[in-house]
Amino acid sequence: MSNLLAQWLQTHTTLQAQEVGKVCSKWNNEIALKRHEFLSQRGNVNTKLYFVLQGTFHIYTLQDAEEVSIGFGYPQTILLDVPAFVHQQPTEFYIQAIKKSTLLWIGKADFQQLLQEIPALSMFWISALEQAVVSQITRQVDLLLPKPEDRITRLWKRNASIFQTIPHKYLASYLRMQPETFSRLLKNIDFSQV
């Protein structure tokens, strides 16, 4: 299964073949989760970096016993609990498999060692973190929009496939609206005009 990781690294980074091999030799711990099984839960200290081979994930927190979606993980993406990974402290988040899933993981210490040894990986990581910051700012802008349909269309423009991949109840939570509102608005939006 690390062939998928190798292919992904070759496509998304400037690593040479030998460097890809070195990364894959360390990023090779596999974990399989059943549907609804947790990868991480509130209170855990999860300092692993994951590469999703198959399946999808829901990242959320609880506010007044209500699940509030923070993000998602899907095949051929990197997945981690950023605060727990960075600060090595217990998390406030849950990462739950939406579908049967398989991931590869690497521990923080091994990943940091690779960053020091492979400059191209370090450059990729900086770029990935920058993109994550931009995505977070974009999401914050989305949540400030007073019209819920604008939140939906902005998400559609950024990632239309998410509407087929992630259950709509989670997308509704992610966009801070009730599932019924999301469903009603979704029926009325002409996405060919978006």
N, C-alpha and C. Protein backbone atom coordinates (compact mmCIF):
# COMPACT_ATOMS: atom_id res chain seq x y z
N MET A 1 0.81 -1.21 0.00
CA MET A 1 0.00 0.00 0.00
C MET A 1 0.85 1.27 0.00
N SER A 2 2.13 1.16 0.40
CA SER A 2 2.97 2.35 0.38
C SER A 2 3.25 2.81 -1.05
N ASN A 3 2.89 1.98 -2.06
CA ASN A 3 3.03 2.42 -3.44
C ASN A 3 2.17 3.65 -3.70
N LEU A 4 0.98 3.72 -3.08
CA LEU A 4 0.14 4.90 -3.22
C LEU A 4 0.82 6.13 -2.63
N LEU A 5 1.46 5.96 -1.48
CA LEU A 5 2.19 7.06 -0.88
C LEU A 5 3.35 7.48 -1.77
N ALA A 6 4.08 6.52 -2.30
CA ALA A 6 5.20 6.84 -3.20
C ALA A 6 4.71 7.60 -4.43
N GLN A 7 3.63 7.14 -5.02
CA GLN A 7 3.07 7.83 -6.20
C GLN A 7 2.63 9.24 -5.83
N TRP A 8 2.00 9.37 -4.68
CA TRP A 8 1.53 10.68 -4.24
C TRP A 8 2.71 11.62 -4.01
N LEU A 9 3.76 11.14 -3.37
CA LEU A 9 4.94 11.97 -3.14
C LEU A 9 5.60 12.38 -4.45
N GLN A 10 5.65 11.47 -5.41
CA GLN A 10 6.23 11.80 -6.71
C GLN A 10 5.42 12.87 -7.44
N THR A 11 4.11 12.85 -7.24
CA THR A 11 3.22 13.81 -7.90
C THR A 11 3.20 15.16 -7.20
N HIS A 12 3.26 15.17 -5.87
CA HIS A 12 3.03 16.39 -5.09
C HIS A 12 4.29 17.04 -4.53
N THR A 13 5.44 16.42 -4.71
CA THR A 13 6.68 16.98 -4.18
C THR A 13 7.77 16.95 -5.26
N THR A 14 8.91 17.51 -4.93
CA THR A 14 10.06 17.46 -5.84
C THR A 14 11.09 16.45 -5.35
N LEU A 15 10.68 15.51 -4.53
CA LEU A 15 11.60 14.50 -4.01
C LEU A 15 12.14 13.62 -5.15
N GLN A 16 13.40 13.27 -5.05
CA GLN A 16 14.01 12.32 -5.97
C GLN A 16 13.58 10.91 -5.57
N ALA A 17 13.74 9.95 -6.48
CA ALA A 17 13.28 8.58 -6.23
C ALA A 17 13.88 8.00 -4.95
N GLN A 18 15.16 8.26 -4.71
CA GLN A 18 15.82 7.74 -3.50
C GLN A 18 15.20 8.37 -2.25
N GLU A 19 14.87 9.64 -2.32
CA GLU A 19 14.25 10.32 -1.18
C GLU A 19 12.84 9.81 -0.92
N VAL A 20 12.11 9.56 -1.99
CA VAL A 20 10.77 8.98 -1.85
C VAL A 20 10.88 7.62 -1.15
N GLY A 21 11.85 6.82 -1.56
CA GLY A 21 12.06 5.52 -0.93
C GLY A 21 12.38 5.65 0.55
N LYS A 22 13.18 6.64 0.90
CA LYS A 22 13.54 6.85 2.31
C LYS A 22 12.31 7.26 3.12
N VAL A 23 11.50 8.16 2.58
CA VAL A 23 10.29 8.58 3.29
C VAL A 23 9.36 7.39 3.47
N CYS A 24 9.14 6.62 2.41
CA CYS A 24 8.23 5.47 2.47
C CYS A 24 8.73 4.39 3.42
N SER A 25 10.05 4.29 3.57
CA SER A 25 10.59 3.27 4.48
C SER A 25 10.28 3.59 5.94
N LYS A 26 10.04 4.87 6.23
CA LYS A 26 9.71 5.27 7.61
C LYS A 26 8.21 5.49 7.79
N TRP A 27 7.55 5.94 6.72
CA TRP A 27 6.11 6.23 6.77
C TRP A 27 5.37 4.98 6.29
N ASN A 28 5.50 3.90 7.05
CA ASN A 28 5.01 2.61 6.57
C ASN A 28 4.18 1.83 7.58
N ASN A 29 3.81 2.45 8.68
CA ASN A 29 2.97 1.78 9.67
C ASN A 29 1.53 1.86 9.21
N GLU A 30 0.89 0.71 9.04
CA GLU A 30 -0.47 0.70 8.52
C GLU A 30 -1.48 0.47 9.64
N ILE A 31 -2.60 1.16 9.53
CA ILE A 31 -3.70 0.97 10.47
C ILE A 31 -5.00 0.90 9.66
N ALA A 32 -5.86 -0.03 10.06
CA ALA A 32 -7.17 -0.17 9.41
C ALA A 32 -8.25 0.13 10.45
N LEU A 33 -9.25 0.87 10.03
CA LEU A 33 -10.36 1.22 10.91
C LEU A 33 -11.68 0.82 10.27
N LYS A 34 -12.58 0.35 11.11
CA LYS A 34 -13.93 0.06 10.65
C LYS A 34 -14.73 1.36 10.61
N ARG A 35 -15.85 1.29 9.95
CA ARG A 35 -16.77 2.44 9.89
C ARG A 35 -17.12 2.89 11.31
N HIS A 36 -17.05 4.17 11.56
CA HIS A 36 -17.37 4.82 12.83
C HIS A 36 -16.31 4.61 13.92
N GLU A 37 -15.24 3.91 13.62
CA GLU A 37 -14.17 3.72 14.60
C GLU A 37 -13.35 5.01 14.69
N PHE A 38 -12.81 5.28 15.87
CA PHE A 38 -12.06 6.51 16.10
C PHE A 38 -10.57 6.31 15.84
N LEU A 39 -10.00 7.25 15.12
CA LEU A 39 -8.56 7.31 14.97
C LEU A 39 -7.97 8.05 16.16
N SER A 40 -8.71 9.03 16.65
CA SER A 40 -8.29 9.83 17.80
C SER A 40 -9.54 10.37 18.48
N GLN A 41 -9.44 10.55 19.80
CA GLN A 41 -10.56 11.08 20.56
C GLN A 41 -10.07 12.16 21.52
N ARG A 42 -11.01 13.01 21.95
CA ARG A 42 -10.69 14.07 22.91
C ARG A 42 -9.90 13.46 24.08
N GLY A 43 -8.83 14.15 24.45
CA GLY A 43 -8.00 13.71 25.56
C GLY A 43 -6.77 12.92 25.12
N ASN A 44 -6.78 12.40 23.88
CA ASN A 44 -5.61 11.68 23.37
C ASN A 44 -4.50 12.66 23.02
N VAL A 45 -3.27 12.18 23.07
CA VAL A 45 -2.13 12.93 22.58
C VAL A 45 -1.66 12.19 21.32
N ASN A 46 -2.15 12.64 20.18
CA ASN A 46 -1.86 11.96 18.92
C ASN A 46 -0.81 12.75 18.15
N THR A 47 0.40 12.23 18.15
CA THR A 47 1.51 12.91 17.45
C THR A 47 1.93 12.10 16.23
N LYS A 48 0.94 11.59 15.52
CA LYS A 48 1.20 10.84 14.30
C LYS A 48 0.70 11.64 13.10
N LEU A 49 1.39 11.46 12.01
CA LEU A 49 1.01 12.04 10.73
C LEU A 49 0.52 10.89 9.87
N TYR A 50 -0.66 11.04 9.29
CA TYR A 50 -1.30 9.96 8.54
C TYR A 50 -1.39 10.30 7.07
N PHE A 51 -1.35 9.26 6.26
CA PHE A 51 -1.67 9.36 4.84
C PHE A 51 -2.84 8.42 4.61
N VAL A 52 -3.96 8.96 4.12
CA VAL A 52 -5.17 8.16 3.94
C VAL A 52 -5.05 7.37 2.63
N LEU A 53 -5.05 6.06 2.75
CA LEU A 53 -5.01 5.19 1.58
C LEU A 53 -6.42 4.99 1.02
N GLN A 54 -7.37 4.72 1.93
CA GLN A 54 -8.77 4.56 1.52
C GLN A 54 -9.65 4.94 2.68
N GLY A 55 -10.88 5.35 2.34
CA GLY A 55 -11.84 5.74 3.36
C GLY A 55 -11.93 7.24 3.52
N THR A 56 -12.83 7.67 4.39
CA THR A 56 -13.01 9.09 4.68
C THR A 56 -13.14 9.29 6.18
N PHE A 57 -12.81 10.51 6.62
CA PHE A 57 -12.79 10.82 8.05
C PHE A 57 -13.52 12.12 8.34
N HIS A 58 -14.11 12.15 9.51
CA HIS A 58 -14.81 13.33 10.03
C HIS A 58 -14.01 13.82 11.23
N ILE A 59 -13.60 15.08 11.17
CA ILE A 59 -12.87 15.70 12.29
C ILE A 59 -13.84 16.68 12.94
N TYR A 60 -14.06 16.51 14.24
CA TYR A 60 -15.04 17.35 14.90
C TYR A 60 -14.71 17.53 16.38
N THR A 61 -15.41 18.46 17.00
CA THR A 61 -15.35 18.66 18.43
C THR A 61 -16.78 18.68 18.95
N LEU A 62 -16.93 18.65 20.24
CA LEU A 62 -18.26 18.71 20.84
C LEU A 62 -18.46 20.06 21.51
N GLN A 63 -19.59 20.68 21.22
CA GLN A 63 -20.00 21.91 21.90
C GLN A 63 -21.43 21.71 22.37
N ASP A 64 -21.61 21.73 23.68
CA ASP A 64 -22.92 21.47 24.27
C ASP A 64 -23.52 20.17 23.74
N ALA A 65 -22.70 19.13 23.72
CA ALA A 65 -23.09 17.78 23.27
C ALA A 65 -23.43 17.70 21.78
N GLU A 66 -23.16 18.75 21.03
CA GLU A 66 -23.41 18.77 19.58
C GLU A 66 -22.08 18.63 18.85
N GLU A 67 -22.06 17.76 17.83
CA GLU A 67 -20.87 17.62 17.00
C GLU A 67 -20.73 18.84 16.10
N VAL A 68 -19.57 19.46 16.14
CA VAL A 68 -19.27 20.60 15.28
C VAL A 68 -18.11 20.20 14.38
N SER A 69 -18.39 20.08 13.09
CA SER A 69 -17.39 19.61 12.13
C SER A 69 -16.31 20.65 11.92
N ILE A 70 -15.08 20.17 11.97
CA ILE A 70 -13.90 21.02 11.77
C ILE A 70 -13.29 20.78 10.39
N GLY A 71 -13.35 19.52 9.95
CA GLY A 71 -12.76 19.19 8.66
C GLY A 71 -12.97 17.73 8.33
N PHE A 72 -12.31 17.31 7.24
CA PHE A 72 -12.49 15.96 6.72
C PHE A 72 -11.16 15.44 6.18
N GLY A 73 -11.07 14.14 6.10
CA GLY A 73 -9.93 13.50 5.46
C GLY A 73 -10.44 12.53 4.42
N TYR A 74 -9.75 12.44 3.28
CA TYR A 74 -10.18 11.55 2.21
C TYR A 74 -8.96 10.91 1.58
N PRO A 75 -9.19 9.93 0.69
CA PRO A 75 -8.06 9.20 0.11
C PRO A 75 -7.02 10.11 -0.52
N GLN A 76 -5.80 9.70 -0.32
CA GLN A 76 -4.61 10.38 -0.84
C GLN A 76 -4.48 11.81 -0.33
N THR A 77 -4.76 11.97 0.95
CA THR A 77 -4.49 13.24 1.63
C THR A 77 -3.77 12.94 2.93
N ILE A 78 -3.11 13.96 3.44
CA ILE A 78 -2.47 13.88 4.74
C ILE A 78 -3.50 14.26 5.79
N LEU A 79 -3.47 13.55 6.90
CA LEU A 79 -4.43 13.76 7.98
C LEU A 79 -3.67 13.81 9.29
N LEU A 80 -3.99 14.80 10.11
CA LEU A 80 -3.40 14.89 11.43
C LEU A 80 -4.24 15.80 12.30
N ASP A 81 -4.04 15.67 13.59
CA ASP A 81 -4.65 16.58 14.57
C ASP A 81 -3.58 17.63 14.84
N VAL A 82 -3.69 18.77 14.17
CA VAL A 82 -2.62 19.76 14.20
C VAL A 82 -2.24 20.20 15.61
N PRO A 83 -3.18 20.63 16.46
CA PRO A 83 -2.78 21.07 17.81
C PRO A 83 -2.06 19.97 18.61
N ALA A 84 -2.58 18.75 18.57
CA ALA A 84 -1.94 17.66 19.31
C ALA A 84 -0.57 17.34 18.73
N PHE A 85 -0.46 17.35 17.41
CA PHE A 85 0.81 17.05 16.74
C PHE A 85 1.86 18.11 17.08
N VAL A 86 1.48 19.37 17.00
CA VAL A 86 2.43 20.46 17.22
C VAL A 86 2.81 20.59 18.69
N HIS A 87 1.80 20.61 19.56
CA HIS A 87 2.05 20.89 20.97
C HIS A 87 2.25 19.65 21.83
N GLN A 88 1.98 18.48 21.27
CA GLN A 88 2.11 17.22 22.00
C GLN A 88 1.32 17.25 23.31
N GLN A 89 0.09 17.73 23.20
CA GLN A 89 -0.81 17.83 24.35
C GLN A 89 -2.13 17.17 23.99
N PRO A 90 -2.95 16.85 25.00
CA PRO A 90 -4.25 16.22 24.72
C PRO A 90 -5.09 17.06 23.78
N THR A 91 -5.78 16.37 22.90
CA THR A 91 -6.58 17.03 21.88
C THR A 91 -7.99 17.35 22.36
N GLU A 92 -8.60 18.30 21.69
CA GLU A 92 -10.01 18.63 21.89
C GLU A 92 -10.88 18.00 20.81
N PHE A 93 -10.23 17.32 19.85
CA PHE A 93 -10.92 16.85 18.66
C PHE A 93 -11.11 15.34 18.61
N TYR A 94 -12.06 14.95 17.78
CA TYR A 94 -12.30 13.56 17.44
C TYR A 94 -12.01 13.40 15.96
N ILE A 95 -11.36 12.31 15.61
CA ILE A 95 -11.18 11.95 14.20
C ILE A 95 -11.79 10.56 14.06
N GLN A 96 -12.88 10.49 13.29
CA GLN A 96 -13.67 9.27 13.20
C GLN A 96 -13.80 8.84 11.74
N ALA A 97 -13.65 7.54 11.51
CA ALA A 97 -13.82 7.00 10.16
C ALA A 97 -15.29 7.05 9.77
N ILE A 98 -15.58 7.64 8.62
CA ILE A 98 -16.94 7.65 8.07
C ILE A 98 -17.19 6.32 7.36
N LYS A 99 -16.14 5.81 6.73
CA LYS A 99 -16.20 4.54 6.01
C LYS A 99 -15.03 3.68 6.49
N LYS A 100 -15.08 2.41 6.14
CA LYS A 100 -13.93 1.53 6.39
C LYS A 100 -12.70 2.19 5.77
N SER A 101 -11.63 2.28 6.55
CA SER A 101 -10.48 3.09 6.12
C SER A 101 -9.16 2.40 6.41
N THR A 102 -8.18 2.75 5.62
CA THR A 102 -6.81 2.29 5.82
C THR A 102 -5.89 3.49 5.68
N LEU A 103 -4.93 3.59 6.60
CA LEU A 103 -3.99 4.71 6.60
C LEU A 103 -2.57 4.19 6.83
N LEU A 104 -1.62 5.00 6.42
CA LEU A 104 -0.23 4.81 6.80
C LEU A 104 0.11 5.92 7.78
N TRP A 105 0.94 5.63 8.78
CA TRP A 105 1.31 6.68 9.72
C TRP A 105 2.81 6.67 10.00
N ILE A 106 3.27 7.84 10.42
CA ILE A 106 4.64 8.04 10.84
C ILE A 106 4.60 8.90 12.10
N GLY A 107 5.46 8.58 13.05
CA GLY A 107 5.52 9.36 14.28
C GLY A 107 6.20 10.71 14.04
N LYS A 108 5.91 11.65 14.92
CA LYS A 108 6.44 13.01 14.79
C LYS A 108 7.96 13.03 14.77
N ALA A 109 8.61 12.29 15.65
CA ALA A 109 10.08 12.31 15.73
C ALA A 109 10.69 11.81 14.42
N ASP A 110 10.15 10.72 13.86
CA ASP A 110 10.67 10.20 12.59
C ASP A 110 10.41 11.19 11.46
N PHE A 111 9.25 11.82 11.45
CA PHE A 111 8.95 12.79 10.40
C PHE A 111 9.87 14.00 10.51
N GLN A 112 10.11 14.49 11.71
CA GLN A 112 11.01 15.63 11.89
C GLN A 112 12.43 15.27 11.46
N GLN A 113 12.85 14.05 11.71
CA GLN A 113 14.17 13.61 11.26
C GLN A 113 14.25 13.63 9.74
N LEU A 114 13.19 13.16 9.08
CA LEU A 114 13.15 13.20 7.61
C LEU A 114 13.19 14.64 7.09
N LEU A 115 12.49 15.55 7.78
CA LEU A 115 12.50 16.96 7.37
C LEU A 115 13.91 17.53 7.43
N GLN A 116 14.68 17.13 8.42
CA GLN A 116 16.06 17.61 8.55
C GLN A 116 16.97 17.00 7.50
N GLU A 117 16.71 15.77 7.13
CA GLU A 117 17.58 15.06 6.19
C GLU A 117 17.26 15.33 4.73
N ILE A 118 16.01 15.72 4.44
CA ILE A 118 15.58 15.87 3.04
C ILE A 118 15.01 17.28 2.84
N PRO A 119 15.83 18.20 2.33
CA PRO A 119 15.37 19.58 2.14
C PRO A 119 14.11 19.70 1.28
N ALA A 120 13.97 18.89 0.27
CA ALA A 120 12.77 18.97 -0.59
C ALA A 120 11.51 18.60 0.19
N LEU A 121 11.62 17.68 1.13
CA LEU A 121 10.47 17.33 1.97
C LEU A 121 10.14 18.48 2.90
N SER A 122 11.16 19.12 3.42
CA SER A 122 10.96 20.28 4.28
C SER A 122 10.26 21.41 3.52
N MET A 123 10.67 21.65 2.29
CA MET A 123 10.03 22.69 1.47
C MET A 123 8.57 22.33 1.19
N PHE A 124 8.33 21.06 0.89
CA PHE A 124 6.95 20.62 0.67
C PHE A 124 6.12 20.84 1.93
N TRP A 125 6.66 20.50 3.10
CA TRP A 125 5.93 20.61 4.35
C TRP A 125 5.58 22.07 4.66
N ILE A 126 6.52 22.96 4.41
CA ILE A 126 6.26 24.39 4.60
C ILE A 126 5.12 24.84 3.69
N SER A 127 5.17 24.41 2.44
CA SER A 127 4.12 24.76 1.49
C SER A 127 2.77 24.19 1.92
N ALA A 128 2.76 22.95 2.40
CA ALA A 128 1.51 22.31 2.86
C ALA A 128 0.94 23.06 4.06
N LEU A 129 1.79 23.49 4.97
CA LEU A 129 1.33 24.25 6.14
C LEU A 129 0.79 25.62 5.72
N GLU A 130 1.45 26.25 4.75
CA GLU A 130 0.95 27.53 4.25
C GLU A 130 -0.43 27.36 3.63
N GLN A 131 -0.60 26.30 2.86
CA GLN A 131 -1.90 26.04 2.23
C GLN A 131 -2.96 25.77 3.29
N ALA A 132 -2.59 25.08 4.36
CA ALA A 132 -3.54 24.81 5.44
C ALA A 132 -3.98 26.10 6.11
N VAL A 133 -3.07 27.04 6.27
CA VAL A 133 -3.43 28.34 6.87
C VAL A 133 -4.39 29.09 5.94
N VAL A 134 -4.10 29.10 4.65
CA VAL A 134 -4.97 29.77 3.69
C VAL A 134 -6.36 29.13 3.70
N SER A 135 -6.40 27.80 3.75
CA SER A 135 -7.69 27.10 3.80
C SER A 135 -8.48 27.45 5.05
N GLN A 136 -7.77 27.56 6.17
CA GLN A 136 -8.45 27.90 7.42
C GLN A 136 -9.01 29.32 7.37
N ILE A 137 -8.26 30.25 6.81
CA ILE A 137 -8.76 31.62 6.68
C ILE A 137 -9.97 31.66 5.75
N THR A 138 -9.91 30.92 4.65
CA THR A 138 -11.03 30.85 3.72
C THR A 138 -12.27 30.31 4.42
N ARG A 139 -12.09 29.28 5.23
CA ARG A 139 -13.23 28.71 5.97
C ARG A 139 -13.79 29.73 6.96
N GLN A 140 -12.93 30.48 7.62
CA GLN A 140 -13.41 31.50 8.56
C GLN A 140 -14.24 32.54 7.83
N VAL A 141 -13.81 32.94 6.64
CA VAL A 141 -14.59 33.89 5.84
C VAL A 141 -15.95 33.27 5.50
N ASP A 142 -15.92 31.99 5.08
CA ASP A 142 -17.18 31.30 4.77
C ASP A 142 -18.16 31.37 5.93
N LEU A 143 -17.69 31.14 7.13
CA LEU A 143 -18.56 31.09 8.29
C LEU A 143 -19.10 32.46 8.67
N LEU A 144 -18.45 33.52 8.21
CA LEU A 144 -18.92 34.87 8.50
C LEU A 144 -20.00 35.35 7.52
N LEU A 145 -20.16 34.63 6.43
CA LEU A 145 -21.16 35.02 5.44
C LEU A 145 -22.55 34.84 6.02
N PRO A 146 -23.39 35.88 5.92
CA PRO A 146 -24.72 35.77 6.53
C PRO A 146 -25.66 34.84 5.78
N LYS A 147 -25.46 34.67 4.47
CA LYS A 147 -26.37 33.85 3.68
C LYS A 147 -25.82 32.41 3.59
N PRO A 148 -26.55 31.44 4.12
CA PRO A 148 -26.07 30.06 4.10
C PRO A 148 -25.82 29.53 2.69
N GLU A 149 -26.61 29.99 1.71
CA GLU A 149 -26.38 29.50 0.35
C GLU A 149 -25.03 29.95 -0.19
N ASP A 150 -24.54 31.11 0.26
CA ASP A 150 -23.21 31.57 -0.15
C ASP A 150 -22.13 30.65 0.42
N ARG A 151 -22.33 30.17 1.63
CA ARG A 151 -21.38 29.23 2.24
C ARG A 151 -21.31 27.94 1.41
N ILE A 152 -22.48 27.48 0.99
CA ILE A 152 -22.53 26.24 0.20
C ILE A 152 -21.84 26.44 -1.15
N THR A 153 -22.15 27.53 -1.84
CA THR A 153 -21.57 27.74 -3.18
C THR A 153 -20.06 27.96 -3.11
N ARG A 154 -19.58 28.63 -2.07
CA ARG A 154 -18.13 28.82 -1.94
C ARG A 154 -17.43 27.48 -1.72
N LEU A 155 -18.03 26.60 -0.93
CA LEU A 155 -17.46 25.27 -0.72
C LEU A 155 -17.50 24.48 -2.03
N TRP A 156 -18.59 24.59 -2.77
CA TRP A 156 -18.72 23.91 -4.06
C TRP A 156 -17.61 24.35 -5.02
N LYS A 157 -17.35 25.64 -5.06
CA LYS A 157 -16.30 26.16 -5.95
C LYS A 157 -14.92 25.63 -5.58
N ARG A 158 -14.67 25.48 -4.30
CA ARG A 158 -13.36 24.99 -3.84
C ARG A 158 -13.20 23.48 -3.99
N ASN A 159 -14.30 22.75 -3.76
CA ASN A 159 -14.18 21.30 -3.71
C ASN A 159 -15.53 20.64 -3.98
N ALA A 160 -15.94 20.61 -5.23
CA ALA A 160 -17.26 20.06 -5.58
C ALA A 160 -17.36 18.58 -5.23
N SER A 161 -16.27 17.84 -5.32
CA SER A 161 -16.32 16.40 -5.06
C SER A 161 -16.66 16.07 -3.61
N ILE A 162 -16.45 17.00 -2.71
CA ILE A 162 -16.76 16.75 -1.30
C ILE A 162 -18.26 16.48 -1.10
N PHE A 163 -19.08 17.01 -1.99
CA PHE A 163 -20.52 16.81 -1.89
C PHE A 163 -20.92 15.36 -2.21
N GLN A 164 -20.07 14.63 -2.92
CA GLN A 164 -20.32 13.21 -3.18
C GLN A 164 -19.59 12.31 -2.18
N THR A 165 -18.57 12.83 -1.55
CA THR A 165 -17.70 12.02 -0.67
C THR A 165 -18.15 12.03 0.78
N ILE A 166 -18.57 13.18 1.27
CA ILE A 166 -18.88 13.37 2.68
C ILE A 166 -20.40 13.44 2.88
N PRO A 167 -20.93 12.71 3.85
CA PRO A 167 -22.38 12.80 4.12
C PRO A 167 -22.81 14.24 4.39
N HIS A 168 -23.98 14.58 3.88
CA HIS A 168 -24.45 15.97 3.95
C HIS A 168 -24.66 16.46 5.38
N LYS A 169 -24.98 15.59 6.31
CA LYS A 169 -25.15 16.05 7.69
C LYS A 169 -23.84 16.62 8.24
N TYR A 170 -22.70 16.06 7.81
CA TYR A 170 -21.41 16.58 8.25
C TYR A 170 -21.07 17.89 7.54
N LEU A 171 -21.42 17.98 6.26
CA LEU A 171 -21.20 19.23 5.53
C LEU A 171 -22.04 20.35 6.13
N ALA A 172 -23.26 20.04 6.52
CA ALA A 172 -24.12 21.04 7.15
C ALA A 172 -23.46 21.56 8.43
N SER A 173 -22.96 20.66 9.25
CA SER A 173 -22.29 21.05 10.48
C SER A 173 -21.04 21.89 10.18
N TYR A 174 -20.30 21.47 9.17
CA TYR A 174 -19.08 22.18 8.77
C TYR A 174 -19.39 23.62 8.36
N LEU A 175 -20.55 23.81 7.72
CA LEU A 175 -20.96 25.14 7.27
C LEU A 175 -21.86 25.85 8.29
N ARG A 176 -21.99 25.25 9.46
CA ARG A 176 -22.74 25.83 10.59
C ARG A 176 -24.19 26.12 10.25
N MET A 177 -24.87 25.06 9.82
CA MET A 177 -26.31 25.15 9.58
C MET A 177 -26.95 23.80 9.90
N GLN A 178 -28.23 23.80 10.06
CA GLN A 178 -28.96 22.57 10.33
C GLN A 178 -29.01 21.71 9.06
N PRO A 179 -29.00 20.38 9.21
CA PRO A 179 -29.06 19.51 8.03
C PRO A 179 -30.27 19.78 7.14
N GLU A 180 -31.40 20.11 7.76
CA GLU A 180 -32.61 20.38 6.98
C GLU A 180 -32.43 21.63 6.11
N THR A 181 -31.80 22.65 6.68
CA THR A 181 -31.53 23.88 5.93
C THR A 181 -30.59 23.59 4.78
N PHE A 182 -29.53 22.84 5.07
CA PHE A 182 -28.56 22.48 4.04
C PHE A 182 -29.24 21.74 2.90
N SER A 183 -30.05 20.75 3.23
CA SER A 183 -30.74 19.95 2.21
C SER A 183 -31.68 20.81 1.37
N ARG A 184 -32.44 21.67 2.01
CA ARG A 184 -33.38 22.54 1.29
C ARG A 184 -32.63 23.48 0.35
N LEU A 185 -31.56 24.11 0.85
CA LEU A 185 -30.79 25.05 0.02
C LEU A 185 -30.09 24.33 -1.12
N LEU A 186 -29.59 23.15 -0.85
CA LEU A 186 -28.88 22.38 -1.87
C LEU A 186 -29.79 22.09 -3.07
N LYS A 187 -31.07 21.82 -2.81
CA LYS A 187 -32.03 21.55 -3.88
C LYS A 187 -32.30 22.79 -4.73
N ASN A 188 -32.15 23.96 -4.14
CA ASN A 188 -32.51 25.20 -4.83
C ASN A 188 -31.33 25.90 -5.52
N ILE A 189 -30.13 25.41 -5.32
CA ILE A 189 -28.96 26.06 -5.94
C ILE A 189 -28.72 25.45 -7.31
N ASP A 190 -28.57 26.30 -8.29
CA ASP A 190 -28.25 25.85 -9.65
C ASP A 190 -26.72 25.83 -9.77
N PHE A 191 -26.14 24.67 -9.56
CA PHE A 191 -24.68 24.57 -9.54
C PHE A 191 -24.05 24.75 -10.91
N SER A 192 -24.83 24.68 -11.96
CA SER A 192 -24.28 24.96 -13.30
C SER A 192 -23.95 26.44 -13.44
N GLN A 193 -24.53 27.27 -12.59
CA GLN A 193 -24.27 28.72 -12.62
C GLN A 193 -23.20 29.13 -11.61
N VAL A 194 -22.71 28.18 -10.84
CA VAL A 194 -21.72 28.50 -9.80
C VAL A 194 -20.33 28.46 -10.38
